[in-house]
N, C-alpha and C. Protein backbone atom coordinates (compact mmCIF):
# COMPACT_ATOMS: atom_id res chain seq x y z
N UNK A 1 0.87 -1.15 0.12
CA UNK A 1 -0.12 -0.01 0.09
C UNK A 1 0.83 1.30 -0.10
N UNK A 2 1.96 1.00 0.39
CA UNK A 2 2.70 2.01 0.81
C UNK A 2 3.46 2.54 -0.61
N UNK A 3 4.28 1.46 -1.57
CA UNK A 3 4.57 1.47 -2.97
C UNK A 3 3.61 2.57 -3.80
N UNK A 4 2.39 1.99 -3.76
CA UNK A 4 1.35 2.41 -4.82
C UNK A 4 0.81 3.52 -3.97
N UNK A 5 1.13 4.38 -2.93
CA UNK A 5 0.81 5.32 -2.36
C UNK A 5 -0.71 5.20 -2.17
N UNK A 6 -1.26 4.29 -1.56
CA UNK A 6 -2.74 4.08 -1.08
C UNK A 6 -3.13 4.90 -0.11
N UNK A 7 -2.00 5.02 1.11
CA UNK A 7 -2.36 5.40 2.05
C UNK A 7 -1.93 7.18 2.07
N UNK A 8 -2.85 7.96 2.83
CA UNK A 8 -2.64 9.49 3.01
C UNK A 8 -1.36 9.45 3.65
N UNK A 9 -0.78 10.77 3.18
CA UNK A 9 0.62 10.84 3.60
C UNK A 9 0.62 10.95 5.29
N UNK A 10 -0.35 11.37 5.88
CA UNK A 10 -0.55 11.78 7.72
C UNK A 10 -1.41 10.40 8.02
N UNK A 11 -1.27 9.43 7.13
CA UNK A 11 -1.93 8.28 7.91
C UNK A 11 -0.80 7.53 9.23
N UNK A 12 -1.07 8.00 10.49
CA UNK A 12 -0.14 7.26 11.39
C UNK A 12 -0.87 6.08 12.18
N UNK A 13 -0.06 5.26 12.64
CA UNK A 13 -0.39 3.93 13.16
C UNK A 13 -0.39 3.13 12.22
N UNK A 14 -0.08 1.83 12.29
CA UNK A 14 -0.32 0.48 11.69
C UNK A 14 0.35 0.64 10.65
N UNK A 15 1.70 1.49 10.71
CA UNK A 15 2.43 1.69 9.62
C UNK A 15 4.06 1.57 9.94
N UNK A 16 5.01 1.17 9.48
CA UNK A 16 6.47 1.24 9.90
C UNK A 16 6.72 2.66 9.81
N UNK A 17 7.24 3.22 10.98
CA UNK A 17 7.90 4.54 11.23
C UNK A 17 6.95 5.47 11.16
N UNK A 18 5.40 5.31 11.60
CA UNK A 18 4.50 6.23 11.42
C UNK A 18 3.57 6.03 12.90
N UNK A 19 4.35 6.28 14.06
CA UNK A 19 3.73 6.02 14.98
C UNK A 19 2.91 6.91 15.47
N UNK A 20 1.60 6.45 16.36
CA UNK A 20 0.88 7.79 16.99
C UNK A 20 1.55 8.99 17.62
N UNK A 21 2.60 8.50 18.31
CA UNK A 21 3.69 9.55 18.93
C UNK A 21 3.93 10.73 17.90
N UNK A 22 4.34 9.72 16.62
CA UNK A 22 5.00 10.90 15.58
C UNK A 22 3.39 11.90 15.32
N UNK A 23 2.21 11.20 15.26
CA UNK A 23 1.14 11.94 14.81
C UNK A 23 1.18 13.11 15.79
N UNK A 24 1.32 12.60 16.97
CA UNK A 24 1.11 13.91 18.00
C UNK A 24 1.93 14.67 18.04
N UNK A 25 3.49 14.51 17.49
CA UNK A 25 4.24 15.41 17.28
C UNK A 25 4.09 16.42 15.98
N UNK A 26 3.67 15.79 14.84
CA UNK A 26 3.31 16.54 13.96
C UNK A 26 2.14 17.47 13.95
N UNK A 27 0.99 17.23 15.17
CA UNK A 27 -0.08 18.19 15.54
C UNK A 27 0.71 19.42 16.08
N UNK A 28 1.26 18.80 17.07
CA UNK A 28 2.07 19.97 17.77
C UNK A 28 2.52 21.12 17.20
N UNK A 29 3.56 20.52 16.34
CA UNK A 29 4.17 21.50 15.25
C UNK A 29 3.85 22.19 14.37
N UNK A 30 2.30 21.72 13.63
CA UNK A 30 1.47 22.63 13.20
C UNK A 30 1.09 23.73 13.93
N UNK A 31 0.49 23.19 15.33
CA UNK A 31 -0.31 24.06 16.08
C UNK A 31 0.89 25.56 16.35
N UNK A 32 2.18 25.19 17.02
CA UNK A 32 2.96 25.81 17.14
C UNK A 32 3.36 27.16 15.86
N UNK A 33 3.21 26.49 14.96
CA UNK A 33 3.66 27.20 13.20
C UNK A 33 2.45 28.30 13.23
N UNK A 34 1.51 27.62 13.30
CA UNK A 34 0.37 28.66 13.35
C UNK A 34 -0.02 29.51 14.02
N UNK A 35 0.54 29.20 15.26
CA UNK A 35 0.48 30.06 16.53
C UNK A 35 1.62 31.16 16.35
N UNK A 36 2.80 30.62 15.74
CA UNK A 36 4.09 31.85 15.64
C UNK A 36 3.74 32.65 14.58
N UNK A 37 2.35 32.37 13.44
CA UNK A 37 2.35 33.21 12.41
C UNK A 37 1.01 34.07 12.98
N UNK A 38 0.53 34.05 14.27
CA UNK A 38 -0.65 34.73 14.37
C UNK A 38 -1.80 34.39 14.28
N UNK A 39 -1.88 32.98 13.63
CA UNK A 39 -3.06 32.38 13.39
C UNK A 39 -3.90 31.92 14.30
N UNK A 40 -5.04 31.75 13.98
CA UNK A 40 -6.07 30.88 15.20
C UNK A 40 -5.92 29.44 14.72
N UNK A 41 -6.03 28.76 16.14
CA UNK A 41 -5.68 27.21 15.85
C UNK A 41 -7.29 26.79 16.53
N UNK A 42 -7.92 25.79 16.00
CA UNK A 42 -9.12 25.34 16.39
C UNK A 42 -8.69 23.68 16.30
N UNK A 43 -8.83 22.78 17.36
CA UNK A 43 -8.84 21.23 16.98
C UNK A 43 -10.56 20.62 17.15
N UNK A 44 -10.74 19.56 16.62
CA UNK A 44 -11.84 18.75 16.75
C UNK A 44 -11.45 17.25 16.57
N UNK A 45 -11.59 16.88 17.92
CA UNK A 45 -11.06 15.46 17.60
C UNK A 45 -12.63 14.58 18.16
N UNK A 46 -12.43 13.16 17.23
CA UNK A 46 -13.55 12.36 17.15
C UNK A 46 -12.92 11.22 17.51
N UNK A 47 -13.91 10.45 18.15
CA UNK A 47 -13.56 8.91 18.71
C UNK A 47 -14.64 8.33 17.39
N UNK A 48 -13.85 7.42 16.82
CA UNK A 48 -14.95 6.82 15.50
C UNK A 48 -14.53 5.34 15.97
N UNK A 49 -14.23 4.96 17.13
CA UNK A 49 -14.16 3.47 17.24
C UNK A 49 -15.42 2.87 17.11
N UNK A 50 -16.61 2.89 17.40
CA UNK A 50 -17.94 2.53 17.33
C UNK A 50 -18.44 3.10 15.97
N UNK A 51 -18.03 3.44 15.01
CA UNK A 51 -18.91 4.21 13.70
C UNK A 51 -19.07 3.09 13.10
N UNK A 52 -18.60 2.11 12.84
CA UNK A 52 -19.15 1.00 12.11
C UNK A 52 -20.11 -0.02 12.97
N UNK A 53 -20.28 0.09 13.90
CA UNK A 53 -21.20 -0.66 14.82
C UNK A 53 -22.63 0.00 14.80
N UNK A 54 -22.51 1.52 14.22
CA UNK A 54 -23.95 2.07 14.39
C UNK A 54 -24.49 1.90 12.82
N UNK A 55 -23.77 1.67 11.96
CA UNK A 55 -24.40 1.31 10.42
C UNK A 55 -24.65 -0.11 10.14
N UNK A 56 -25.81 -0.18 9.53
CA UNK A 56 -26.01 -1.47 8.69
C UNK A 56 -25.01 -2.02 7.82
N UNK A 57 -24.36 -3.04 8.32
CA UNK A 57 -22.70 -3.55 7.33
C UNK A 57 -23.62 -4.00 6.18
N UNK A 58 -24.58 -4.92 5.72
CA UNK A 58 -25.21 -5.39 4.72
C UNK A 58 -25.24 -4.06 3.72
N UNK A 59 -26.13 -3.06 4.28
CA UNK A 59 -26.39 -1.98 3.36
C UNK A 59 -25.14 -1.15 3.06
N UNK A 60 -24.36 -1.06 3.76
CA UNK A 60 -22.99 -0.61 3.43
C UNK A 60 -22.32 -1.35 2.48
N UNK A 61 -21.98 -2.71 2.37
CA UNK A 61 -21.85 -3.56 1.71
C UNK A 61 -22.05 -3.41 0.12
N UNK A 62 -23.61 -3.03 0.34
CA UNK A 62 -24.43 -2.71 -0.64
C UNK A 62 -23.64 -1.64 -1.66
N UNK A 63 -23.70 -0.64 -0.91
CA UNK A 63 -23.50 0.62 -1.47
C UNK A 63 -22.32 0.62 -1.97
N UNK A 64 -20.89 -0.27 -1.38
CA UNK A 64 -19.83 -0.19 -1.95
C UNK A 64 -19.91 -0.77 -3.15
N UNK A 65 -20.69 -1.95 -3.25
CA UNK A 65 -20.56 -2.65 -4.81
C UNK A 65 -21.30 -1.71 -5.80
N UNK A 66 -22.09 -1.04 -5.17
CA UNK A 66 -22.93 0.08 -6.33
C UNK A 66 -21.75 1.06 -6.65
N UNK A 67 -21.00 1.30 -5.76
CA UNK A 67 -19.90 2.28 -6.14
C UNK A 67 -18.40 1.86 -6.97
N UNK A 68 -18.94 0.19 -7.32
CA UNK A 68 -17.67 -0.02 -7.95
C UNK A 68 -16.54 -0.60 -7.49
N UNK A 69 -16.99 -0.83 -5.89
CA UNK A 69 -15.67 -1.53 -5.16
C UNK A 69 -16.04 -3.23 -5.02
N UNK A 70 -15.21 -3.84 -5.69
CA UNK A 70 -15.37 -5.27 -5.90
C UNK A 70 -13.94 -5.88 -5.24
N UNK A 71 -14.12 -7.10 -5.77
CA UNK A 71 -12.85 -7.89 -5.61
C UNK A 71 -12.23 -7.99 -4.36
N UNK A 72 -10.95 -7.79 -4.37
CA UNK A 72 -10.46 -7.77 -2.84
C UNK A 72 -10.55 -7.01 -1.82
N UNK A 73 -10.61 -5.71 -2.62
CA UNK A 73 -10.96 -4.77 -1.59
C UNK A 73 -12.46 -4.72 -0.96
N UNK A 74 -13.63 -5.17 -1.76
CA UNK A 74 -14.76 -5.59 -0.91
C UNK A 74 -14.56 -6.57 -0.14
N UNK A 75 -13.96 -7.56 -0.58
CA UNK A 75 -13.86 -9.24 0.27
C UNK A 75 -13.19 -8.52 2.01
N UNK A 76 -12.28 -7.56 1.61
CA UNK A 76 -11.43 -7.28 3.06
C UNK A 76 -12.74 -6.67 3.77
N UNK A 77 -13.12 -5.43 3.24
CA UNK A 77 -14.28 -4.81 4.07
C UNK A 77 -15.51 -6.06 4.47
N UNK A 78 -16.06 -6.73 3.54
CA UNK A 78 -17.15 -7.58 4.23
C UNK A 78 -16.43 -8.53 5.00
N UNK A 79 -15.22 -9.02 4.80
CA UNK A 79 -14.70 -9.86 6.37
C UNK A 79 -14.67 -9.53 7.50
N UNK A 80 -14.05 -8.11 7.28
CA UNK A 80 -13.79 -7.05 8.73
C UNK A 80 -15.53 -6.94 9.16
N UNK A 81 -16.50 -6.40 8.15
CA UNK A 81 -17.62 -6.02 8.82
C UNK A 81 -18.45 -7.27 9.30
N UNK A 82 -18.13 -8.69 8.67
CA UNK A 82 -19.05 -9.33 9.08
C UNK A 82 -18.53 -10.05 10.56
N UNK A 83 -17.19 -10.39 10.17
CA UNK A 83 -16.87 -11.25 11.62
C UNK A 83 -15.53 -10.41 12.18
N UNK A 84 -15.17 -9.31 11.88
CA UNK A 84 -14.20 -8.55 12.70
C UNK A 84 -12.79 -9.10 12.58
N UNK A 85 -12.89 -9.78 11.21
CA UNK A 85 -11.41 -10.51 11.33
C UNK A 85 -11.00 -9.96 10.08
N UNK A 86 -9.60 -9.59 9.78
CA UNK A 86 -9.00 -9.50 9.03
C UNK A 86 -7.70 -10.14 8.53
N UNK A 87 -7.56 -10.65 7.48
CA UNK A 87 -6.35 -11.58 7.17
C UNK A 87 -5.68 -10.66 5.71
N UNK A 88 -4.44 -10.15 6.08
CA UNK A 88 -3.70 -9.60 5.09
C UNK A 88 -2.42 -10.37 4.79
N UNK A 89 -2.16 -10.75 3.56
CA UNK A 89 -1.50 -11.71 3.00
C UNK A 89 -0.67 -10.70 1.55
N UNK A 90 0.70 -10.63 1.77
CA UNK A 90 1.26 -9.89 0.96
C UNK A 90 2.33 -10.74 0.28
N UNK A 91 2.68 -10.06 -1.23
CA UNK A 91 3.71 -11.20 -1.69
C UNK A 91 4.68 -10.26 -2.01
N UNK A 92 5.78 -10.60 -2.07
CA UNK A 92 7.09 -9.84 -2.61
C UNK A 92 7.50 -10.31 -4.06
N UNK A 93 7.50 -9.49 -4.79
CA UNK A 93 7.82 -10.25 -6.49
C UNK A 93 9.61 -9.37 -6.57
N UNK A 94 10.32 -10.36 -7.07
CA UNK A 94 11.72 -9.72 -7.49
C UNK A 94 11.80 -9.63 -9.00
């Protein structure tokens, strides 16, 4: 996913060398920069831990198919939403 730039550059956690501590440092650094420039800083923090628990999973999966999400990506989401289980297999080609 990193090779193909699938992840947003500021996706921290679950990636090598992108810890949640580094995310906090990045946020604090940005806040300091904007305050030094006399800008206003506002922070909004959301806990999305239970987000998928409030959505009907079958409706979400149907909508994903309608938007053209199929194959491996669809199966990954379906497995997670139906079983809360994800198996990630990677292959290195030389």
